[in-house]
Protein backbone atom coordinates (compact mmCIF):
# COMPACT_ATOMS: atom_id res chain seq x y z
CA MET A 1 -18.84 -5.39 2.13
CA THR A 2 -18.56 -7.33 5.37
CA PRO A 3 -21.67 -6.62 7.46
CA PHE A 4 -21.29 -4.91 10.82
CA ASP A 5 -22.07 -7.01 13.91
CA ASP A 6 -21.86 -4.06 16.27
CA PRO A 7 -24.09 -1.02 15.60
CA LYS A 8 -21.66 1.16 17.58
CA VAL A 9 -18.87 0.35 15.12
CA ALA A 10 -21.17 1.06 12.16
CA ALA A 11 -22.09 4.40 13.77
CA ALA A 12 -18.40 5.24 14.21
CA TYR A 13 -17.86 4.76 10.47
CA ASP A 14 -20.98 6.78 9.66
CA ALA A 15 -19.66 9.64 11.80
CA LEU A 16 -16.40 9.90 9.81
CA PRO A 17 -16.05 12.49 7.05
CA LYS A 18 -16.78 10.92 3.64
CA ASP A 19 -13.13 10.83 2.44
CA THR A 20 -12.01 9.29 5.72
CA ARG A 21 -14.88 6.80 5.74
CA ASP A 22 -14.28 5.67 2.15
CA GLY A 23 -10.61 4.90 2.80
CA ALA A 24 -11.22 3.34 6.20
CA LEU A 25 -13.89 1.03 4.76
CA ILE A 26 -11.45 -0.20 2.11
CA LEU A 27 -8.89 -0.92 4.82
CA ARG A 28 -11.62 -2.65 6.86
CA GLU A 29 -12.28 -5.04 3.98
CA LEU A 30 -8.53 -5.66 3.63
CA ILE A 31 -8.40 -6.54 7.34
CA PHE A 32 -11.28 -9.02 7.02
CA ASP A 33 -9.86 -10.52 3.82
CA THR A 34 -6.42 -10.88 5.40
CA ALA A 35 -7.83 -12.40 8.58
CA ALA A 36 -9.86 -14.90 6.55
CA SER A 37 -6.61 -16.29 5.13
CA LEU A 38 -5.05 -16.69 8.60
CA PRO A 39 -6.51 -19.48 10.75
CA HIS A 40 -4.73 -18.08 13.83
CA ALA A 41 -6.46 -14.72 13.34
CA GLN A 42 -9.87 -16.25 13.99
CA PRO A 43 -12.18 -15.25 15.45
CA LEU A 44 -11.53 -11.65 14.45
CA GLN A 45 -13.23 -9.20 16.77
CA GLU A 46 -14.39 -5.77 15.57
CA ALA A 47 -14.93 -3.26 18.36
CA LEU A 48 -14.31 0.36 19.31
CA ARG A 49 -11.03 1.30 20.98
CA TRP A 50 -10.36 4.95 21.80
CA GLY A 51 -13.52 5.71 19.81
CA GLN A 52 -12.10 4.19 16.62
CA PRO A 53 -12.93 0.93 14.84
CA ALA A 54 -10.46 -1.69 16.04
CA TYR A 55 -9.67 -5.24 14.98
CA ILE A 56 -8.39 -7.79 17.45
CA ALA A 57 -7.32 -11.39 16.82
CA PRO A 58 -6.78 -13.92 19.66
CA LYS A 59 -2.97 -13.86 19.37
CA GLY A 60 -2.66 -10.51 17.62
CA SER A 61 -1.99 -6.88 18.27
CA THR A 62 -4.84 -4.40 17.80
CA VAL A 63 -5.23 -2.64 14.45
CA ARG A 64 -7.28 0.58 14.47
CA LEU A 65 -8.66 2.71 11.65
CA GLY A 66 -9.67 6.34 11.65
CA SER A 67 -8.93 9.93 10.92
CA HIS A 68 -5.58 11.59 11.58
CA LYS A 69 -4.66 15.24 11.97
CA ALA A 70 -2.04 15.00 9.19
CA ALA A 71 -3.95 12.79 6.72
CA SER A 72 -7.41 11.87 5.51
CA PHE A 73 -7.26 8.49 7.27
CA ALA A 74 -4.79 6.17 8.93
CA LEU A 75 -4.09 2.56 9.87
CA PHE A 76 -2.85 2.45 13.46
CA VAL A 77 -0.83 -0.28 15.18
CA HIS A 78 0.49 -0.53 18.73
CA CYS A 79 3.33 2.00 18.98
CA GLN A 80 5.36 -0.11 21.41
CA SER A 81 5.39 -3.15 19.15
CA ARG A 82 8.00 -3.86 16.49
CA LEU A 83 5.30 -3.87 13.78
CA MET A 84 6.13 -0.54 12.18
CA GLY A 85 9.88 -1.15 12.38
CA ASP A 86 9.47 -4.49 10.60
CA PHE A 87 7.19 -2.85 8.05
CA THR A 88 9.62 -0.05 7.25
CA SER A 89 12.46 -2.56 6.96
CA ALA A 90 10.44 -4.63 4.50
CA PHE A 91 9.09 -1.62 2.57
CA PRO A 92 11.46 1.32 3.12
CA GLY A 93 10.22 4.73 2.02
CA GLU A 94 6.98 3.38 0.53
CA ASP A 95 4.53 5.15 2.87
CA ARG A 96 4.04 8.27 4.90
CA LEU A 97 4.16 7.34 8.57
CA ASP A 98 3.40 8.80 11.96
CA GLY A 99 6.36 7.39 13.85
CA ASN A 100 5.82 3.84 15.09
CA ARG A 101 2.05 4.14 15.29
CA ALA A 102 0.39 4.75 11.90
CA ILE A 103 0.46 4.66 8.14
CA LEU A 104 -1.06 7.85 6.76
CA PHE A 105 -3.25 7.98 3.67
CA ASP A 106 -4.58 10.93 1.70
CA ASN A 107 -6.74 8.86 -0.65
CA PRO A 108 -7.83 5.24 -1.07
CA ASP A 109 -5.62 4.81 -4.17
CA GLN A 110 -2.62 4.73 -1.83
CA ILE A 111 -3.78 1.47 -0.25
CA ASP A 112 -1.67 -1.42 -1.50
CA PRO A 113 -3.29 -4.76 -0.63
CA THR A 114 0.04 -6.58 -0.77
CA ARG A 115 2.11 -4.16 1.29
CA HIS A 116 -0.56 -3.09 3.76
CA GLY A 117 -1.98 -6.61 3.93
CA TRP A 118 1.51 -7.74 4.99
CA LEU A 119 1.41 -5.34 7.97
CA ILE A 120 -2.15 -6.35 8.86
CA ALA A 121 -1.21 -10.05 8.77
CA ARG A 122 1.78 -9.38 11.04
CA ALA A 123 -0.41 -7.45 13.48
CA LEU A 124 -3.15 -10.09 13.58
CA THR A 125 -0.60 -12.81 14.36
CA TYR A 126 1.84 -10.72 16.40
CA HIS A 127 1.91 -12.95 19.50
CA LEU A 128 2.33 -16.31 17.76
């Protein structure tokens, strides 16, 4: 697991319910793994935004992780970007979504490194 640089981010994960935390931590690793393969996504910053762990690349759009009222956990992207529209065009009907803002997960087995890594890569390089 990638170590936490910011104790506030670590505390935010610790405060999540276990099911939410387990899934969010898997997505966190996918974000770091994806960013490591993208020179333009460096340096990747991990911080809190709206009280949730957030990942920001120099020329990217913020990716957030956390709980959701309709799911155990979610991967959030900027709702006014074209990220979710591009994602649903590339992978129609593959995921449960909350409009243009989030992919909803009920368990970690639903995380697909290829499909969800694609969205993460697009977000981390959105402004290139």
